[in-house]
Amino acid sequence: MNNALILTGGDETGINSISLENITHPKYNLLSDVATGLKILTNDTEQTQVYIDSYTFDENTGEWEAAITLKITDHFGLGNDDLEKFRWIYGFNV
């Protein structure tokens, strides 16, 4: 976001999109994540949309502030591999 604002001189309307390729997803690798189902339910997401609700830019300092809303679409698709991998969890195969 910062680099995009620098390129547009702080004009947020000149930003069409921002690449999120280098941002890592949260990892749910703890035993408690598996036991509570967190790893199974939210291990990956399909899409992340970022909305800018409000924005201010100080031309003198180059500092900016924004309030944003994130819309995250979960990728929830259990396949046969998932059923085999997690079948030991009570109730998972129900």
Protein backbone atom coordinates (compact mmCIF):
# COMPACT_ATOMS: atom_id res chain seq x y z
CA MET A 1 0.00 0.00 0.00
CA ASN A 2 2.77 2.37 0.95
CA ASN A 3 4.60 1.90 -2.37
CA ALA A 4 1.38 2.36 -4.34
CA LEU A 5 0.66 5.62 -2.52
CA ILE A 6 4.18 6.87 -3.20
CA LEU A 7 3.75 6.16 -6.92
CA THR A 8 0.46 8.10 -7.06
CA GLY A 9 1.62 10.97 -4.86
CA GLY A 10 -0.88 9.97 -2.20
CA ASP A 11 -3.86 9.81 -4.56
CA GLU A 12 -5.72 6.66 -3.53
CA THR A 13 -8.03 6.91 -6.55
CA GLY A 14 -5.04 6.11 -8.77
CA ILE A 15 -4.61 2.69 -7.16
CA ASN A 16 -6.51 -0.04 -9.00
CA SER A 17 -5.16 -3.03 -7.11
CA ILE A 18 -2.41 -4.08 -4.76
CA SER A 19 -0.67 -7.42 -5.01
CA LEU A 20 -0.88 -9.58 -1.89
CA GLU A 21 1.37 -12.30 -3.34
CA ASN A 22 4.12 -11.92 -0.73
CA ILE A 23 1.77 -11.96 2.25
CA THR A 24 1.67 -15.27 4.08
CA HIS A 25 -1.46 -16.91 5.42
CA PRO A 26 -1.81 -17.74 9.09
CA LYS A 27 -0.70 -21.25 10.00
CA TYR A 28 -2.79 -23.49 12.23
CA ASN A 29 -0.28 -26.22 13.04
CA LEU A 30 -0.68 -26.58 16.80
CA LEU A 31 -2.18 -29.75 18.23
CA SER A 32 -4.90 -27.60 19.81
CA ASP A 33 -5.71 -26.21 16.32
CA VAL A 34 -6.28 -29.74 15.07
CA ALA A 35 -8.22 -30.80 18.17
CA THR A 36 -10.57 -27.82 18.02
CA GLY A 37 -11.08 -28.08 14.26
CA LEU A 38 -9.46 -24.70 13.54
CA LYS A 39 -6.92 -26.29 11.17
CA ILE A 40 -9.64 -28.09 9.23
CA LEU A 41 -12.06 -25.18 9.04
CA THR A 42 -9.76 -22.25 8.27
CA ASN A 43 -6.56 -23.71 6.90
CA ASP A 44 -6.80 -21.73 3.66
CA THR A 45 -8.77 -18.88 2.16
CA GLU A 46 -9.91 -18.37 -1.39
CA GLN A 47 -9.96 -14.59 -1.67
CA THR A 48 -9.19 -11.48 0.35
CA GLN A 49 -10.76 -8.13 -0.53
CA VAL A 50 -9.61 -4.92 1.15
CA TYR A 51 -11.93 -1.91 1.24
CA ILE A 52 -10.72 1.56 2.20
CA ASP A 53 -13.41 3.10 4.42
CA SER A 54 -11.59 6.36 5.11
CA TYR A 55 -8.21 7.76 4.15
CA THR A 56 -6.06 10.79 4.92
CA PHE A 57 -2.70 11.74 3.44
CA ASP A 58 -0.38 14.44 4.76
CA GLU A 59 1.45 15.95 1.77
CA ASN A 60 4.04 17.58 4.03
CA THR A 61 5.17 14.42 5.80
CA GLY A 62 4.07 11.75 3.32
CA GLU A 63 2.31 9.94 6.16
CA TRP A 64 -1.05 8.34 5.61
CA GLU A 65 -3.76 6.78 7.72
CA ALA A 66 -6.60 4.55 6.63
CA ALA A 67 -9.50 2.63 8.11
CA ILE A 68 -10.02 -0.59 6.18
CA THR A 69 -12.48 -3.45 6.03
CA LEU A 70 -11.32 -6.95 5.09
CA LYS A 71 -13.62 -9.45 3.41
CA ILE A 72 -12.09 -12.92 3.51
CA THR A 73 -13.71 -15.77 1.61
CA ASP A 74 -12.98 -19.15 3.12
CA HIS A 75 -12.02 -22.08 0.92
CA PHE A 76 -13.91 -24.93 2.52
CA GLY A 77 -13.78 -28.11 0.57
CA LEU A 78 -13.10 -31.40 2.27
CA GLY A 79 -11.98 -34.22 0.01
CA ASN A 80 -11.24 -37.88 0.48
CA ASP A 81 -7.67 -37.08 1.58
CA ASP A 82 -9.04 -34.89 4.38
CA LEU A 83 -11.40 -37.62 5.54
CA GLU A 84 -8.54 -40.11 5.69
CA LYS A 85 -6.15 -37.70 7.41
CA PHE A 86 -8.58 -36.56 10.13
CA ARG A 87 -10.77 -39.65 10.57
CA TRP A 88 -9.39 -40.24 14.07
CA ILE A 89 -11.11 -37.09 15.35
CA TYR A 90 -14.30 -38.07 17.12
CA GLY A 91 -17.32 -37.19 15.02
CA PHE A 92 -15.35 -36.08 11.97
CA ASN A 93 -16.72 -38.81 9.71
CA VAL A 94 -20.31 -38.28 10.81
